[in-house]
Amino acid sequence: MFATLLNPRAFAPSLEGQIALVDQLGGPFLSERVDDLRAARAHGLSTGLILRDQPGTSLAAQMNERLEESEAEIVAICTHALNVEIDQDAAPVAALRTALASAEGRHRMVITLDSTLAAQSASAWRSLPMESLLFDPIADPDGWRAAATLPGECGLVLALIAGSDTPPVAREALLWGLRYAASLGGRGGHRVGFTERPAPGWVDGVQQDRPEESALTFAAVGDLLRLTLADRETLERELDPRSISPAAQRLRGQSGREQT
C-alpha cells in the first residue's frame, strides 16, 4: 500500500517542503500546477496532473493543453459525472470517457470528492478507460457499493484522514477499510492507497493557514502507512485487541502448542 497527499500545498509553505513530505510517503506528487509537477519530477517523484470537470470547460481541451506540458505519468480527473449510475449516452459521462481515452498510455485516475459515488455495475465501470478510482468512504460510505464492483485490476485510493477539527476515525477502522479495499475483486494491497481528506470544495494551490492541524494530519497519514507495513506483533501491541481476528489468534495459539 502507498500514501500520498492530494493537496501538498496545504502542508508546507514551500514547494521544496511539499516535495519532501510526499517523498516521505512514497506516493506520487499530485497537483494542478505544471511547474510544481516539473519540480517534483526533477526530484525523482512520479507525478499526477489534476484536472477538474467543471461547467463551461472542456476536459479534453485541458488534457491536450496541459498533459504533455506537465509530462505527468498520471492524469487525475475530479468529476461529478458518477453521482448517478453510468448512462452511456449522458453528456457528462461521454465527456469523461473522451478525456480518459485521450490520455491512453498514462495512468488514468477518477476522483469523486465533493460528490457522491453512485453504485455501478462491473460492465459500467469497464466502459470507462481508467486505471484507478479515488473516493472518500467516510464522507460517502455508500461509495463502497460502487467500489465493490470496480474491477480488481483497477487501483482503489481512499481519502481517509481529516484535520483535527473533524472527529477522528479509529486507526482500526481505517486499517479495516484499506484491507477491505484490497480484498475487493482480488485487488491486493499493491493496488490500494490512501490520502488525506481535503476540506469540502478543496482547491489545489490554496494553502491552509493551519500549520498545526496540517502537521497533525500528516503525522496521522504517516502513522497509518507505518501500520499497513507493521508485523503482527506490532499490531497486537498498538491496536485494540478486538480488531485482531479471534480465529487467527486461536490458530496461532494452536500452532504454538503443536510446536512445543
Protein backbone atom coordinates (compact mmCIF):
# COMPACT_ATOMS: atom_id res chain seq x y z
CA MET A 1 0.00 0.00 0.00
CA PHE A 2 1.06 3.58 -0.52
CA ALA A 3 0.12 7.02 0.78
CA THR A 4 0.32 10.47 -0.72
CA LEU A 5 -1.09 13.98 -0.32
CA LEU A 6 -3.92 15.10 -2.54
CA ASN A 7 -3.17 18.75 -1.87
CA PRO A 8 0.51 19.13 -0.89
CA ARG A 9 0.20 22.92 -0.72
CA ALA A 10 -1.93 22.57 2.40
CA PHE A 11 1.00 21.01 4.25
CA ALA A 12 4.08 23.15 3.64
CA PRO A 13 4.69 26.78 2.59
CA SER A 14 7.46 25.97 0.11
CA LEU A 15 7.43 23.68 -2.89
CA GLU A 16 10.61 22.05 -1.62
CA GLY A 17 8.87 21.22 1.65
CA GLN A 18 5.85 19.82 -0.14
CA ILE A 19 8.03 17.57 -2.28
CA ALA A 20 9.91 16.36 0.81
CA LEU A 21 6.67 15.42 2.58
CA VAL A 22 5.31 13.45 -0.37
CA ASP A 23 8.70 11.81 -0.78
CA GLN A 24 8.46 10.52 2.81
CA LEU A 25 5.17 8.83 1.99
CA GLY A 26 6.40 7.29 -1.25
CA GLY A 27 3.35 8.09 -3.34
CA PRO A 28 3.01 10.28 -6.43
CA PHE A 29 3.08 14.08 -6.27
CA LEU A 30 -0.36 15.37 -7.31
CA SER A 31 -1.02 18.95 -8.38
CA GLU A 32 -2.92 21.15 -10.80
CA ARG A 33 0.23 23.20 -11.32
CA VAL A 34 2.51 22.16 -14.15
CA ASP A 35 5.55 23.91 -12.68
CA ASP A 36 5.13 22.04 -9.39
CA LEU A 37 4.95 18.73 -11.22
CA ARG A 38 8.13 19.50 -13.14
CA ALA A 39 9.97 20.24 -9.89
CA ALA A 40 8.70 17.03 -8.33
CA ARG A 41 9.79 15.02 -11.38
CA ALA A 42 13.25 16.58 -11.15
CA HIS A 43 13.38 15.30 -7.58
CA GLY A 44 12.62 11.78 -8.81
CA LEU A 45 8.95 11.55 -7.81
CA SER A 46 6.23 10.18 -10.03
CA THR A 47 3.67 12.89 -10.73
CA GLY A 48 -0.03 13.28 -11.37
CA LEU A 49 -1.79 16.18 -13.09
CA ILE A 50 -5.15 17.03 -11.53
CA LEU A 51 -7.87 18.26 -13.89
CA ARG A 52 -11.38 19.41 -12.96
CA ASP A 53 -14.59 18.63 -14.77
CA GLN A 54 -16.35 22.00 -14.48
CA PRO A 55 -19.25 23.60 -16.38
CA GLY A 56 -18.07 25.63 -19.33
CA THR A 57 -14.72 23.85 -19.58
CA SER A 58 -13.65 21.02 -21.84
CA LEU A 59 -11.81 18.17 -20.17
CA ALA A 60 -10.37 17.06 -23.48
CA ALA A 61 -9.10 20.60 -24.17
CA GLN A 62 -7.50 20.77 -20.71
CA MET A 63 -5.91 17.40 -21.35
CA ASN A 64 -4.47 18.43 -24.70
CA GLU A 65 -3.20 21.73 -23.35
CA ARG A 66 -1.58 20.65 -20.10
CA LEU A 67 -0.82 16.94 -20.03
CA GLU A 68 2.07 16.91 -22.49
CA GLU A 69 3.46 20.06 -20.93
CA SER A 70 3.43 18.53 -17.46
CA GLU A 71 4.93 15.18 -18.57
CA ALA A 72 2.93 13.60 -15.73
CA GLU A 73 2.66 9.83 -15.59
CA ILE A 74 -0.79 10.11 -14.01
CA VAL A 75 -3.81 12.17 -15.01
CA ALA A 76 -6.39 12.56 -12.23
CA ILE A 77 -9.82 13.90 -13.17
CA CYS A 78 -12.12 15.33 -10.49
CA THR A 79 -15.69 14.76 -11.65
CA HIS A 80 -19.33 14.77 -10.56
CA ALA A 81 -20.35 12.59 -13.51
CA LEU A 82 -20.51 9.42 -11.40
CA ASN A 83 -23.06 10.64 -8.84
CA VAL A 84 -25.64 8.67 -10.83
CA GLU A 85 -25.47 5.26 -12.48
CA ILE A 86 -23.37 5.45 -15.62
CA ASP A 87 -25.50 6.20 -18.65
CA GLN A 88 -23.55 5.57 -21.83
CA ASP A 89 -25.34 8.42 -23.61
CA ALA A 90 -25.19 11.01 -20.84
CA ALA A 91 -23.15 14.06 -21.83
CA PRO A 92 -21.06 14.25 -18.60
CA VAL A 93 -20.10 10.57 -18.86
CA ALA A 94 -19.34 10.90 -22.57
CA ALA A 95 -17.07 13.89 -21.88
CA LEU A 96 -15.31 11.98 -19.10
CA ARG A 97 -14.82 8.93 -21.32
CA THR A 98 -13.42 11.05 -24.17
CA ALA A 99 -10.96 12.77 -21.84
CA LEU A 100 -9.82 9.47 -20.34
CA ALA A 101 -9.39 7.92 -23.77
CA SER A 102 -7.22 10.85 -24.88
CA ALA A 103 -4.79 10.06 -22.04
CA GLU A 104 -4.19 6.48 -23.16
CA GLY A 105 -0.72 5.33 -22.19
CA ARG A 106 -0.81 7.10 -18.84
CA HIS A 107 -2.33 6.04 -15.55
CA ARG A 108 -5.84 7.49 -15.50
CA MET A 109 -7.45 8.19 -12.12
CA VAL A 110 -11.02 9.30 -11.48
CA ILE A 111 -11.60 11.39 -8.32
CA THR A 112 -15.12 11.71 -6.90
CA LEU A 113 -14.53 14.02 -3.92
CA ASP A 114 -17.08 16.82 -3.44
CA SER A 115 -19.61 14.41 -4.93
CA THR A 116 -21.35 11.17 -4.09
CA LEU A 117 -20.43 7.97 -5.89
CA ALA A 118 -23.41 6.02 -7.16
CA ALA A 119 -23.44 2.23 -7.31
CA GLN A 120 -22.20 0.99 -10.69
CA SER A 121 -22.21 -2.36 -12.41
CA ALA A 122 -18.95 -4.02 -13.39
CA SER A 123 -19.80 -3.52 -17.06
CA ALA A 124 -20.42 0.19 -16.48
CA TRP A 125 -17.00 0.52 -14.88
CA ARG A 126 -15.39 -1.30 -17.79
CA SER A 127 -16.91 1.23 -20.18
CA LEU A 128 -14.58 3.87 -18.72
CA PRO A 129 -10.90 3.63 -19.75
CA MET A 130 -9.41 4.17 -16.29
CA GLU A 131 -6.79 2.60 -14.04
CA SER A 132 -7.88 3.78 -10.59
CA LEU A 133 -10.60 5.41 -8.51
CA LEU A 134 -10.28 7.78 -5.54
CA PHE A 135 -13.23 8.35 -3.22
CA ASP A 136 -13.95 9.28 0.40
CA PRO A 137 -15.55 6.30 2.20
CA ILE A 138 -16.07 8.35 5.36
CA ALA A 139 -18.00 11.26 3.84
CA ASP A 140 -19.61 8.93 1.30
CA PRO A 141 -19.92 5.44 2.87
CA ASP A 142 -22.41 4.39 0.18
CA GLY A 143 -19.50 4.71 -2.24
CA TRP A 144 -18.41 1.25 -1.11
CA ARG A 145 -21.22 -0.16 -3.25
CA ALA A 146 -19.51 1.22 -6.33
CA ALA A 147 -16.06 0.20 -5.11
CA ALA A 148 -17.30 -3.35 -4.64
CA THR A 149 -17.92 -3.75 -8.39
CA LEU A 150 -14.80 -1.91 -9.55
CA PRO A 151 -12.67 -4.45 -11.48
CA GLY A 152 -9.86 -5.83 -9.37
CA GLU A 153 -7.21 -4.72 -11.86
CA CYS A 154 -8.16 -1.09 -11.11
CA GLY A 155 -6.48 0.65 -8.21
CA LEU A 156 -8.54 1.99 -5.30
CA VAL A 157 -7.40 5.06 -3.35
CA LEU A 158 -9.23 6.11 -0.19
CA ALA A 159 -9.37 9.61 1.29
CA LEU A 160 -9.15 8.73 4.99
CA ILE A 161 -7.62 11.26 7.37
CA ALA A 162 -9.00 14.73 8.03
CA GLY A 163 -7.83 17.63 10.18
CA SER A 164 -8.14 17.96 13.93
CA ASP A 165 -11.48 19.82 13.66
CA THR A 166 -13.15 16.60 12.49
CA PRO A 167 -13.88 13.73 14.89
CA PRO A 168 -11.05 11.27 14.29
CA VAL A 169 -11.77 7.82 12.94
CA ALA A 170 -10.14 4.97 14.85
CA ARG A 171 -7.00 3.60 13.24
CA GLU A 172 -8.50 0.13 13.48
CA ALA A 173 -11.41 1.20 11.26
CA LEU A 174 -9.06 2.86 8.76
CA LEU A 175 -6.93 -0.27 8.50
CA TRP A 176 -10.07 -2.35 8.03
CA GLY A 177 -11.09 -0.08 5.15
CA LEU A 178 -7.73 -0.48 3.44
CA ARG A 179 -7.79 -4.25 3.85
CA TYR A 180 -11.35 -4.41 2.58
CA ALA A 181 -10.36 -2.36 -0.47
CA ALA A 182 -7.51 -4.81 -1.10
CA SER A 183 -9.87 -7.79 -0.85
CA LEU A 184 -12.43 -6.49 -3.36
CA GLY A 185 -12.11 -8.23 -6.70
CA GLY A 186 -8.85 -9.84 -5.56
CA ARG A 187 -7.20 -6.42 -5.90
CA GLY A 188 -4.34 -6.94 -3.48
CA GLY A 189 -2.57 -4.35 -1.36
CA HIS A 190 -0.28 -3.20 -4.17
CA ARG A 191 -3.29 -1.60 -5.87
CA VAL A 192 -4.55 0.25 -2.76
CA GLY A 193 -3.50 3.65 -1.47
CA PHE A 194 -4.80 6.50 0.67
CA THR A 195 -4.62 10.26 1.06
CA GLU A 196 -5.76 12.95 3.44
CA ARG A 197 -9.39 14.06 3.36
CA PRO A 198 -9.40 17.62 1.99
CA ALA A 199 -11.98 20.12 3.14
CA PRO A 200 -15.16 20.43 1.05
CA GLY A 201 -14.53 22.50 -2.05
CA TRP A 202 -10.79 21.88 -1.77
CA VAL A 203 -8.74 23.81 -4.29
CA ASP A 204 -5.17 22.92 -5.09
CA GLY A 205 -2.93 25.95 -4.79
CA VAL A 206 -4.63 27.33 -1.68
CA GLN A 207 -2.53 26.83 1.39
CA GLN A 208 -4.43 26.37 4.61
CA ASP A 209 -3.42 28.74 7.38
CA ARG A 210 -3.45 25.96 9.96
CA PRO A 211 0.11 24.64 10.23
CA GLU A 212 -0.54 22.74 13.47
CA GLU A 213 -3.56 20.98 12.01
CA SER A 214 -1.65 20.14 8.83
CA ALA A 215 1.20 18.71 10.90
CA LEU A 216 -1.22 16.51 12.84
CA THR A 217 -2.87 15.28 9.66
CA PHE A 218 0.46 14.46 8.04
CA ALA A 219 1.60 12.64 11.17
CA ALA A 220 -1.62 10.57 11.12
CA VAL A 221 -1.13 9.73 7.44
CA GLY A 222 2.43 8.61 8.15
CA ASP A 223 1.36 6.58 11.17
CA LEU A 224 -1.32 4.76 9.20
CA LEU A 225 1.19 3.98 6.47
CA ARG A 226 3.53 2.57 9.11
CA LEU A 227 0.76 0.32 10.43
CA THR A 228 -0.01 -1.04 6.95
CA LEU A 229 3.59 -2.30 6.87
CA ALA A 230 3.78 -3.44 10.50
CA ASP A 231 4.18 -7.04 11.61
CA ARG A 232 1.50 -8.80 13.64
CA GLU A 233 3.25 -8.29 16.96
CA THR A 234 3.25 -4.53 16.42
CA LEU A 235 -0.43 -4.52 15.51
CA GLU A 236 -1.32 -6.61 18.56
CA ARG A 237 0.67 -4.25 20.77
CA GLU A 238 -0.69 -0.96 19.40
CA LEU A 239 -4.26 -1.65 18.33
CA ASP A 240 -7.44 -2.54 20.14
CA PRO A 241 -7.28 -6.33 20.58
CA ARG A 242 -10.89 -6.57 19.41
CA SER A 243 -9.68 -5.58 15.93
CA ILE A 244 -7.43 -8.64 15.72
CA SER A 245 -9.20 -11.71 14.38
CA PRO A 246 -10.05 -14.06 17.30
CA ALA A 247 -9.94 -17.01 14.92
CA ALA A 248 -6.45 -16.07 13.80
CA GLN A 249 -5.37 -15.74 17.42
CA ARG A 250 -6.69 -19.22 18.25
CA LEU A 251 -4.94 -20.72 15.24
CA ARG A 252 -1.73 -19.01 16.26
CA GLY A 253 -2.05 -20.42 19.78
CA GLN A 254 -2.74 -23.92 18.49
CA SER A 255 0.30 -23.71 16.23
CA GLY A 256 2.46 -22.70 19.15
CA ARG A 257 1.22 -25.60 21.30
CA GLU A 258 1.86 -28.08 18.48
CA GLN A 259 5.44 -26.85 18.13
CA THR A 260 6.06 -27.36 21.83
